[in-house]
Amino acid sequence: MTKKFKYKILAGFFLLVILLVIAGAVSIYEFMKLSRSVDALIEDNYKTIVASKQLLEALEREDSGILLLLLGQWEDGRRILRVADSTFIKGIEIAKNNITEPNEDEYINNIENSYRQFKAIWEKPIVNTNKEGDIKWYQETIHEKFLQTKRAVDDLMEMNQDSMYREASTLKDKSHRAIMPDIVAIIAAVVFSILLNFFISKYYISPLERLTNAIHEFKPGSGSFKATIEADREITNLEMEISSLIERMFKNH
């Protein structure tokens, strides 16, 4: 009887443990998915955004180099243009190797075409030509191509930023889904614990207390022992065994 009683209580707690383990496993699985999504977000959109910033910085430096050429500073201007051009090409390669969004290749092709036109202008000699010091020529020709290329880069960066924002919103929803099993498990565990405590109290603790009181109040000669309890079979069997024991004791006397 003791073993059955113990196993019934242990079974209740074992069920509670299983519930928490399942909830924990689901949460771990959801968080692993969330982690992979974050990695993909960084790998895809963030790389292109960084590359776009690199392109914009290279364009700004090229613009500065062109202005130096307009001022007749050939060596400094050409050095800045050479370094900036190398940086721009590296940035384009990063973007081309990290195409993840629909039509992103078209955005990159637009950048390459605009940059090709921009570069074709400043590659030609400027120092010691009639273009040197010609601010009007710079504004109407070079600067316009510079702005056109810059807008193309901005479009690429904006597209990836929008995609990153959408992904971040999706990740937020996923994080909520990852937390939900734990919340449900905690609520279920609390409810289950309350119910388990109620049934243990109703069918085991209270009957045992009434049985103890009945034994304490029982007086020899008052008749057969009867606790009149409603409980689990193990407790009622215990009551019958105690009653039988008392009867045998009085018969022997």
C-alpha atoms as a PDB file:
ATOM      1  CA  MET A   1       0.000   0.000   0.000  1.00  0.00           C
ATOM      2  CA  THR A   2       2.816   2.389   0.904  1.00  0.00           C
ATOM      3  CA  LYS A   3       4.480   1.826  -2.453  1.00  0.00           C
ATOM      4  CA  LYS A   4       1.247   2.462  -4.361  1.00  0.00           C
ATOM      5  CA  PHE A   5       0.658   5.607  -2.358  1.00  0.00           C
ATOM      6  CA  LYS A   6       4.184   6.808  -3.057  1.00  0.00           C
ATOM      7  CA  TYR A   7       4.003   5.968  -6.760  1.00  0.00           C
ATOM      8  CA  LYS A   8       0.762   7.894  -7.217  1.00  0.00           C
ATOM      9  CA  ILE A   9       2.261  11.039  -5.718  1.00  0.00           C
ATOM     10  CA  LEU A  10       5.507  10.587  -7.642  1.00  0.00           C
ATOM     11  CA  ALA A  11       3.548  10.113 -10.857  1.00  0.00           C
ATOM     12  CA  GLY A  12       1.959  13.527 -10.388  1.00  0.00           C
ATOM     13  CA  PHE A  13       5.310  15.237  -9.893  1.00  0.00           C
ATOM     14  CA  PHE A  14       6.835  13.232 -12.736  1.00  0.00           C
ATOM     15  CA  LEU A  15       4.121  14.533 -15.060  1.00  0.00           C
ATOM     16  CA  LEU A  16       4.950  18.066 -13.932  1.00  0.00           C
ATOM     17  CA  VAL A  17       8.647  17.506 -14.685  1.00  0.00           C
ATOM     18  CA  ILE A  18       7.818  16.124 -18.142  1.00  0.00           C
ATOM     19  CA  LEU A  19       5.704  19.198 -18.859  1.00  0.00           C
ATOM     20  CA  LEU A  20       8.550  21.531 -17.928  1.00  0.00           C
ATOM     21  CA  VAL A  21      11.118  19.500 -19.892  1.00  0.00           C
ATOM     22  CA  ILE A  22       8.971  19.587 -23.038  1.00  0.00           C
ATOM     23  CA  ALA A  23       8.457  23.347 -22.665  1.00  0.00           C
ATOM     24  CA  GLY A  24      12.186  23.843 -22.147  1.00  0.00           C
ATOM     25  CA  ALA A  25      13.029  21.736 -25.198  1.00  0.00           C
ATOM     26  CA  VAL A  26      10.585  23.693 -27.382  1.00  0.00           C
ATOM     27  CA  SER A  27      12.044  26.997 -26.139  1.00  0.00           C
ATOM     28  CA  ILE A  28      15.615  25.833 -26.806  1.00  0.00           C
ATOM     29  CA  TYR A  29      14.599  24.794 -30.320  1.00  0.00           C
ATOM     30  CA  GLU A  30      12.913  28.151 -30.966  1.00  0.00           C
ATOM     31  CA  PHE A  31      15.909  30.087 -29.623  1.00  0.00           C
ATOM     32  CA  MET A  32      18.262  28.065 -31.826  1.00  0.00           C
ATOM     33  CA  LYS A  33      16.121  28.989 -34.830  1.00  0.00           C
ATOM     34  CA  LEU A  34      16.181  32.592 -33.655  1.00  0.00           C
ATOM     35  CA  SER A  35      19.978  32.500 -33.373  1.00  0.00           C
ATOM     36  CA  ARG A  36      20.309  31.150 -36.919  1.00  0.00           C
ATOM     37  CA  SER A  37      17.986  33.886 -38.180  1.00  0.00           C
ATOM     38  CA  VAL A  38      20.100  36.555 -36.461  1.00  0.00           C
ATOM     39  CA  ASP A  39      23.261  35.087 -38.016  1.00  0.00           C
ATOM     40  CA  ALA A  40      21.625  35.102 -41.438  1.00  0.00           C
ATOM     41  CA  LEU A  41      20.494  38.702 -40.935  1.00  0.00           C
ATOM     42  CA  ILE A  42      24.042  39.800 -40.086  1.00  0.00           C
ATOM     43  CA  GLU A  43      25.531  37.686 -42.851  1.00  0.00           C
ATOM     44  CA  ASP A  44      23.189  38.960 -45.551  1.00  0.00           C
ATOM     45  CA  ASN A  45      21.837  42.481 -45.138  1.00  0.00           C
ATOM     46  CA  TYR A  46      24.360  43.928 -42.695  1.00  0.00           C
ATOM     47  CA  LYS A  47      27.318  42.992 -44.909  1.00  0.00           C
ATOM     48  CA  THR A  48      25.760  44.798 -47.851  1.00  0.00           C
ATOM     49  CA  ILE A  49      24.964  47.843 -45.709  1.00  0.00           C
ATOM     50  CA  VAL A  50      28.600  47.993 -44.553  1.00  0.00           C
ATOM     51  CA  ALA A  51      29.741  47.602 -48.169  1.00  0.00           C
ATOM     52  CA  SER A  52      27.386  50.426 -49.216  1.00  0.00           C
ATOM     53  CA  LYS A  53      28.879  52.722 -46.582  1.00  0.00           C
ATOM     54  CA  GLN A  54      32.301  51.799 -47.893  1.00  0.00           C
ATOM     55  CA  LEU A  55      31.186  52.767 -51.403  1.00  0.00           C
ATOM     56  CA  LEU A  56      29.850  56.118 -50.200  1.00  0.00           C
ATOM     57  CA  GLU A  57      33.070  56.897 -48.333  1.00  0.00           C
ATOM     58  CA  ALA A  58      35.099  56.010 -51.447  1.00  0.00           C
ATOM     59  CA  LEU A  59      32.934  58.311 -53.570  1.00  0.00           C
ATOM     60  CA  GLU A  60      33.379  61.177 -51.104  1.00  0.00           C
ATOM     61  CA  ARG A  61      37.150  60.714 -51.188  1.00  0.00           C
ATOM     62  CA  GLU A  62      37.115  60.608 -54.996  1.00  0.00           C
ATOM     63  CA  ASP A  63      35.157  63.843 -55.029  1.00  0.00           C
ATOM     64  CA  SER A  64      37.825  65.384 -52.791  1.00  0.00           C
ATOM     65  CA  GLY A  65      40.541  64.062 -55.096  1.00  0.00           C
ATOM     66  CA  ILE A  66      38.839  65.627 -58.112  1.00  0.00           C
ATOM     67  CA  LEU A  67      38.651  68.987 -56.346  1.00  0.00           C
ATOM     68  CA  LEU A  68      42.391  68.775 -55.684  1.00  0.00           C
ATOM     69  CA  LEU A  69      42.961  68.164 -59.393  1.00  0.00           C
ATOM     70  CA  LEU A  70      40.870  71.233 -60.174  1.00  0.00           C
ATOM     71  CA  LEU A  71      43.214  73.167 -57.904  1.00  0.00           C
ATOM     72  CA  GLY A  72      46.205  71.865 -59.864  1.00  0.00           C
ATOM     73  CA  GLN A  73      47.435  69.460 -57.156  1.00  0.00           C
ATOM     74  CA  TRP A  74      48.064  66.520 -59.460  1.00  0.00           C
ATOM     75  CA  GLU A  75      50.015  64.159 -57.177  1.00  0.00           C
ATOM     76  CA  ASP A  76      47.727  64.439 -54.152  1.00  0.00           C
ATOM     77  CA  GLY A  77      44.588  64.290 -56.273  1.00  0.00           C
ATOM     78  CA  ARG A  78      45.678  61.206 -58.247  1.00  0.00           C
ATOM     79  CA  ARG A  79      46.843  59.405 -55.080  1.00  0.00           C
ATOM     80  CA  ILE A  80      43.498  59.946 -53.367  1.00  0.00           C
ATOM     81  CA  LEU A  81      41.606  58.881 -56.490  1.00  0.00           C
ATOM     82  CA  ARG A  82      43.700  55.722 -56.865  1.00  0.00           C
ATOM     83  CA  VAL A  83      43.125  54.599 -53.265  1.00  0.00           C
ATOM     84  CA  ALA A  84      39.434  55.517 -53.315  1.00  0.00           C
ATOM     85  CA  ASP A  85      38.897  53.704 -56.612  1.00  0.00           C
ATOM     86  CA  SER A  86      40.467  50.542 -55.159  1.00  0.00           C
ATOM     87  CA  THR A  87      38.228  50.811 -52.089  1.00  0.00           C
ATOM     88  CA  PHE A  88      35.137  51.274 -54.270  1.00  0.00           C
ATOM     89  CA  ILE A  89      35.934  48.204 -56.368  1.00  0.00           C
ATOM     90  CA  LYS A  90      36.409  46.088 -53.222  1.00  0.00           C
ATOM     91  CA  GLY A  91      33.062  47.314 -51.892  1.00  0.00           C
ATOM     92  CA  ILE A  92      31.324  46.408 -55.156  1.00  0.00           C
ATOM     93  CA  GLU A  93      32.819  42.896 -55.017  1.00  0.00           C
ATOM     94  CA  ILE A  94      31.501  42.418 -51.473  1.00  0.00           C
ATOM     95  CA  ALA A  95      28.029  43.518 -52.556  1.00  0.00           C
ATOM     96  CA  LYS A  96      28.085  41.283 -55.658  1.00  0.00           C
ATOM     97  CA  ASN A  97      29.079  38.256 -53.583  1.00  0.00           C
ATOM     98  CA  ASN A  98      26.306  38.907 -51.068  1.00  0.00           C
ATOM     99  CA  ILE A  99      23.171  39.199 -53.207  1.00  0.00           C
ATOM    100  CA  THR A 100      20.255  38.048 -51.074  1.00  0.00           C
ATOM    101  CA  GLU A 101      17.313  40.266 -52.013  1.00  0.00           C
ATOM    102  CA  PRO A 102      15.096  40.123 -55.128  1.00  0.00           C
ATOM    103  CA  ASN A 103      16.444  42.371 -57.922  1.00  0.00           C
ATOM    104  CA  GLU A 104      19.487  43.283 -55.807  1.00  0.00           C
ATOM    105  CA  ASP A 105      21.740  42.469 -58.777  1.00  0.00           C
ATOM    106  CA  GLU A 106      19.958  45.199 -60.763  1.00  0.00           C
ATOM    107  CA  TYR A 107      20.762  47.732 -58.048  1.00  0.00           C
ATOM    108  CA  ILE A 108      24.426  46.709 -58.166  1.00  0.00           C
ATOM    109  CA  ASN A 109      24.496  46.885 -61.973  1.00  0.00           C
ATOM    110  CA  ASN A 110      23.050  50.406 -61.750  1.00  0.00           C
ATOM    111  CA  ILE A 111      25.848  51.376 -59.339  1.00  0.00           C
ATOM    112  CA  GLU A 112      28.514  49.899 -61.635  1.00  0.00           C
ATOM    113  CA  ASN A 113      27.116  51.692 -64.709  1.00  0.00           C
ATOM    114  CA  SER A 114      26.866  55.033 -62.891  1.00  0.00           C
ATOM    115  CA  TYR A 115      30.364  54.649 -61.454  1.00  0.00           C
ATOM    116  CA  ARG A 116      31.780  53.700 -64.846  1.00  0.00           C
ATOM    117  CA  GLN A 117      30.439  56.965 -66.299  1.00  0.00           C
ATOM    118  CA  PHE A 118      31.698  58.943 -63.303  1.00  0.00           C
ATOM    119  CA  LYS A 119      35.154  57.389 -63.461  1.00  0.00           C
ATOM    120  CA  ALA A 120      35.422  57.890 -67.235  1.00  0.00           C
ATOM    121  CA  ILE A 121      35.285  61.666 -66.631  1.00  0.00           C
ATOM    122  CA  TRP A 122      37.894  62.027 -63.863  1.00  0.00           C
ATOM    123  CA  GLU A 123      40.286  59.504 -65.476  1.00  0.00           C
ATOM    124  CA  LYS A 124      40.913  62.016 -68.240  1.00  0.00           C
ATOM    125  CA  PRO A 125      43.558  64.692 -67.604  1.00  0.00           C
ATOM    126  CA  ILE A 126      42.330  67.700 -65.655  1.00  0.00           C
ATOM    127  CA  VAL A 127      45.520  69.377 -64.453  1.00  0.00           C
ATOM    128  CA  ASN A 128      47.109  71.664 -67.056  1.00  0.00           C
ATOM    129  CA  THR A 129      43.997  71.565 -69.202  1.00  0.00           C
ATOM    130  CA  ASN A 130      41.167  74.032 -69.697  1.00  0.00           C
ATOM    131  CA  LYS A 131      39.217  72.075 -67.097  1.00  0.00           C
ATOM    132  CA  GLU A 132      41.562  73.060 -64.281  1.00  0.00           C
ATOM    133  CA  GLY A 133      39.789  75.553 -62.043  1.00  0.00           C
ATOM    134  CA  ASP A 134      36.561  75.281 -64.045  1.00  0.00           C
ATOM    135  CA  ILE A 135      33.996  75.002 -61.246  1.00  0.00           C
ATOM    136  CA  LYS A 136      31.091  75.233 -63.669  1.00  0.00           C
ATOM    137  CA  TRP A 137      32.390  72.206 -65.596  1.00  0.00           C
ATOM    138  CA  TYR A 138      32.797  70.351 -62.294  1.00  0.00           C
ATOM    139  CA  GLN A 139      29.245  71.122 -61.153  1.00  0.00           C
ATOM    140  CA  GLU A 140      27.566  70.358 -64.458  1.00  0.00           C
ATOM    141  CA  THR A 141      29.574  67.250 -65.360  1.00  0.00           C
ATOM    142  CA  ILE A 142      31.530  65.519 -62.608  1.00  0.00           C
ATOM    143  CA  HIS A 143      29.389  66.454 -59.637  1.00  0.00           C
ATOM    144  CA  GLU A 144      26.216  65.378 -61.434  1.00  0.00           C
ATOM    145  CA  LYS A 145      27.718  61.932 -62.150  1.00  0.00           C
ATOM    146  CA  PHE A 146      28.979  61.796 -58.569  1.00  0.00           C
ATOM    147  CA  LEU A 147      25.444  62.424 -57.245  1.00  0.00           C
ATOM    148  CA  GLN A 148      23.980  59.880 -59.671  1.00  0.00           C
ATOM    149  CA  THR A 149      26.358  57.174 -58.435  1.00  0.00           C
ATOM    150  CA  LYS A 150      25.766  58.170 -54.829  1.00  0.00           C
ATOM    151  CA  ARG A 151      21.988  57.864 -55.296  1.00  0.00           C
ATOM    152  CA  ALA A 152      22.452  54.385 -56.791  1.00  0.00           C
ATOM    153  CA  VAL A 153      24.464  53.332 -53.708  1.00  0.00           C
ATOM    154  CA  ASP A 154      21.870  54.914 -51.418  1.00  0.00           C
ATOM    155  CA  ASP A 155      19.142  52.888 -53.139  1.00  0.00           C
ATOM    156  CA  LEU A 156      21.052  49.660 -52.503  1.00  0.00           C
ATOM    157  CA  MET A 157      21.640  50.525 -48.873  1.00  0.00           C
ATOM    158  CA  GLU A 158      18.036  51.619 -48.330  1.00  0.00           C
ATOM    159  CA  MET A 159      16.728  48.365 -49.807  1.00  0.00           C
ATOM    160  CA  ASN A 160      18.881  46.306 -47.437  1.00  0.00           C
ATOM    161  CA  GLN A 161      17.964  48.507 -44.479  1.00  0.00           C
ATOM    162  CA  ASP A 162      14.266  48.000 -45.229  1.00  0.00           C
ATOM    163  CA  SER A 163      14.818  44.260 -45.511  1.00  0.00           C
ATOM    164  CA  MET A 164      16.779  44.300 -42.270  1.00  0.00           C
ATOM    165  CA  TYR A 165      13.933  46.141 -40.543  1.00  0.00           C
ATOM    166  CA  ARG A 166      11.408  43.590 -41.809  1.00  0.00           C
ATOM    167  CA  GLU A 167      13.653  40.754 -40.652  1.00  0.00           C
ATOM    168  CA  ALA A 168      14.055  42.413 -37.267  1.00  0.00           C
ATOM    169  CA  SER A 169      10.264  42.594 -36.930  1.00  0.00           C
ATOM    170  CA  THR A 170      10.039  38.909 -37.847  1.00  0.00           C
ATOM    171  CA  LEU A 171      12.745  38.080 -35.303  1.00  0.00           C
ATOM    172  CA  LYS A 172      10.773  39.976 -32.670  1.00  0.00           C
ATOM    173  CA  ASP A 173       7.749  37.798 -33.394  1.00  0.00           C
ATOM    174  CA  LYS A 174       9.955  34.701 -33.270  1.00  0.00           C
ATOM    175  CA  SER A 175      11.351  35.755 -29.895  1.00  0.00           C
ATOM    176  CA  HIS A 176       7.792  36.042 -28.577  1.00  0.00           C
ATOM    177  CA  ARG A 177       7.031  32.554 -29.898  1.00  0.00           C
ATOM    178  CA  ALA A 178      10.191  31.251 -28.258  1.00  0.00           C
ATOM    179  CA  ILE A 179       9.110  32.656 -24.897  1.00  0.00           C
ATOM    180  CA  MET A 180       5.496  31.476 -25.127  1.00  0.00           C
ATOM    181  CA  PRO A 181       6.175  27.772 -24.343  1.00  0.00           C
ATOM    182  CA  ASP A 182       7.901  28.798 -21.115  1.00  0.00           C
ATOM    183  CA  ILE A 183       5.033  31.094 -20.149  1.00  0.00           C
ATOM    184  CA  VAL A 184       2.471  28.393 -20.941  1.00  0.00           C
ATOM    185  CA  ALA A 185       4.553  25.814 -19.061  1.00  0.00           C
ATOM    186  CA  ILE A 186       4.860  28.044 -16.000  1.00  0.00           C
ATOM    187  CA  ILE A 187       1.117  28.748 -15.951  1.00  0.00           C
ATOM    188  CA  ALA A 188       0.348  25.064 -16.523  1.00  0.00           C
ATOM    189  CA  ALA A 189       2.839  24.066 -13.813  1.00  0.00           C
ATOM    190  CA  VAL A 190       1.242  26.466 -11.335  1.00  0.00           C
ATOM    191  CA  VAL A 191      -2.287  25.239 -12.174  1.00  0.00           C
ATOM    192  CA  PHE A 192      -1.169  21.625 -12.103  1.00  0.00           C
ATOM    193  CA  SER A 193       0.613  22.131  -8.763  1.00  0.00           C
ATOM    194  CA  ILE A 194      -2.527  23.681  -7.271  1.00  0.00           C
ATOM    195  CA  LEU A 195      -4.672  20.796  -8.561  1.00  0.00           C
ATOM    196  CA  LEU A 196      -2.128  18.224  -7.407  1.00  0.00           C
ATOM    197  CA  ASN A 197      -1.995  19.806  -3.987  1.00  0.00           C
ATOM    198  CA  PHE A 198      -5.806  19.891  -3.856  1.00  0.00           C
ATOM    199  CA  PHE A 199      -6.177  16.205  -4.733  1.00  0.00           C
ATOM    200  CA  ILE A 200      -3.374  15.118  -2.406  1.00  0.00           C
ATOM    201  CA  SER A 201      -4.984  17.117   0.383  1.00  0.00           C
ATOM    202  CA  LYS A 202      -8.505  15.869  -0.378  1.00  0.00           C
ATOM    203  CA  TYR A 203      -7.790  12.207  -0.989  1.00  0.00           C
ATOM    204  CA  TYR A 204      -4.751  11.615   1.205  1.00  0.00           C
ATOM    205  CA  ILE A 205      -3.877  14.285   3.783  1.00  0.00           C
ATOM    206  CA  SER A 206      -7.407  15.094   5.018  1.00  0.00           C
ATOM    207  CA  PRO A 207      -8.479  11.427   5.212  1.00  0.00           C
ATOM    208  CA  LEU A 208      -5.292  10.573   7.104  1.00  0.00           C
ATOM    209  CA  GLU A 209      -5.972  13.433   9.534  1.00  0.00           C
ATOM    210  CA  ARG A 210      -9.571  12.194  10.063  1.00  0.00           C
ATOM    211  CA  LEU A 211      -8.304   8.666  10.490  1.00  0.00           C
ATOM    212  CA  THR A 212      -5.744   9.860  13.054  1.00  0.00           C
ATOM    213  CA  ASN A 213      -8.429  11.797  14.951  1.00  0.00           C
ATOM    214  CA  ALA A 214     -10.754   8.795  14.884  1.00  0.00           C
ATOM    215  CA  ILE A 215      -8.017   6.582  16.355  1.00  0.00           C
ATOM    216  CA  HIS A 216      -7.272   9.213  18.985  1.00  0.00           C
ATOM    217  CA  GLU A 217     -10.962   9.566  19.938  1.00  0.00           C
ATOM    218  CA  PHE A 218     -11.752   5.846  19.861  1.00  0.00           C
ATOM    219  CA  LYS A 219     -12.609   4.409  23.274  1.00  0.00           C
ATOM    220  CA  PRO A 220     -12.584   0.708  24.144  1.00  0.00           C
ATOM    221  CA  GLY A 221     -16.054  -0.681  24.513  1.00  0.00           C
ATOM    222  CA  SER A 222     -17.665   1.963  22.344  1.00  0.00           C
ATOM    223  CA  GLY A 223     -18.226  -0.490  19.543  1.00  0.00           C
ATOM    224  CA  SER A 224     -16.344  -1.229  16.345  1.00  0.00           C
ATOM    225  CA  PHE A 225     -13.869   1.291  15.031  1.00  0.00           C
ATOM    226  CA  LYS A 226     -15.224   3.394  12.164  1.00  0.00           C
ATOM    227  CA  ALA A 227     -13.660   6.581  10.785  1.00  0.00           C
ATOM    228  CA  THR A 228     -16.188   7.014   7.934  1.00  0.00           C
ATOM    229  CA  ILE A 229     -13.807   8.634   5.501  1.00  0.00           C
ATOM    230  CA  GLU A 230     -14.015   9.076   1.746  1.00  0.00           C
ATOM    231  CA  ALA A 231     -10.598   8.628   0.270  1.00  0.00           C
ATOM    232  CA  ASP A 232      -8.428   6.708  -2.127  1.00  0.00           C
ATOM    233  CA  ARG A 233      -8.568   2.931  -1.940  1.00  0.00           C
ATOM    234  CA  GLU A 234      -5.239   2.758  -0.093  1.00  0.00           C
ATOM    235  CA  ILE A 235      -6.592   4.953   2.724  1.00  0.00           C
ATOM    236  CA  THR A 236      -9.882   3.042   3.012  1.00  0.00           C
ATOM    237  CA  ASN A 237      -7.892  -0.187   3.108  1.00  0.00           C
ATOM    238  CA  LEU A 238      -5.818   1.296   5.901  1.00  0.00           C
ATOM    239  CA  GLU A 239      -9.018   2.149   7.803  1.00  0.00           C
ATOM    240  CA  MET A 240     -10.265  -1.437   7.375  1.00  0.00           C
ATOM    241  CA  GLU A 241      -6.949  -2.852   8.538  1.00  0.00           C
ATOM    242  CA  ILE A 242      -6.983  -0.634  11.650  1.00  0.00           C
ATOM    243  CA  SER A 243     -10.610  -1.630  12.392  1.00  0.00           C
ATOM    244  CA  SER A 244      -9.724  -5.310  11.942  1.00  0.00           C
ATOM    245  CA  LEU A 245      -6.702  -4.934  14.190  1.00  0.00           C
ATOM    246  CA  ILE A 246      -8.788  -3.338  16.952  1.00  0.00           C
ATOM    247  CA  GLU A 247     -11.398  -6.068  16.712  1.00  0.00           C
ATOM    248  CA  ARG A 248      -8.743  -8.784  16.994  1.00  0.00           C
ATOM    249  CA  MET A 249      -7.173  -7.033  19.955  1.00  0.00           C
ATOM    250  CA  PHE A 250     -10.483  -6.940  21.854  1.00  0.00           C
ATOM    251  CA  LYS A 251     -11.304 -10.562  20.962  1.00  0.00           C
ATOM    252  CA  ASN A 252      -7.970 -11.657  22.430  1.00  0.00           C
ATOM    253  CA  HIS A 253      -8.820  -9.840  25.635  1.00  0.00           C
END
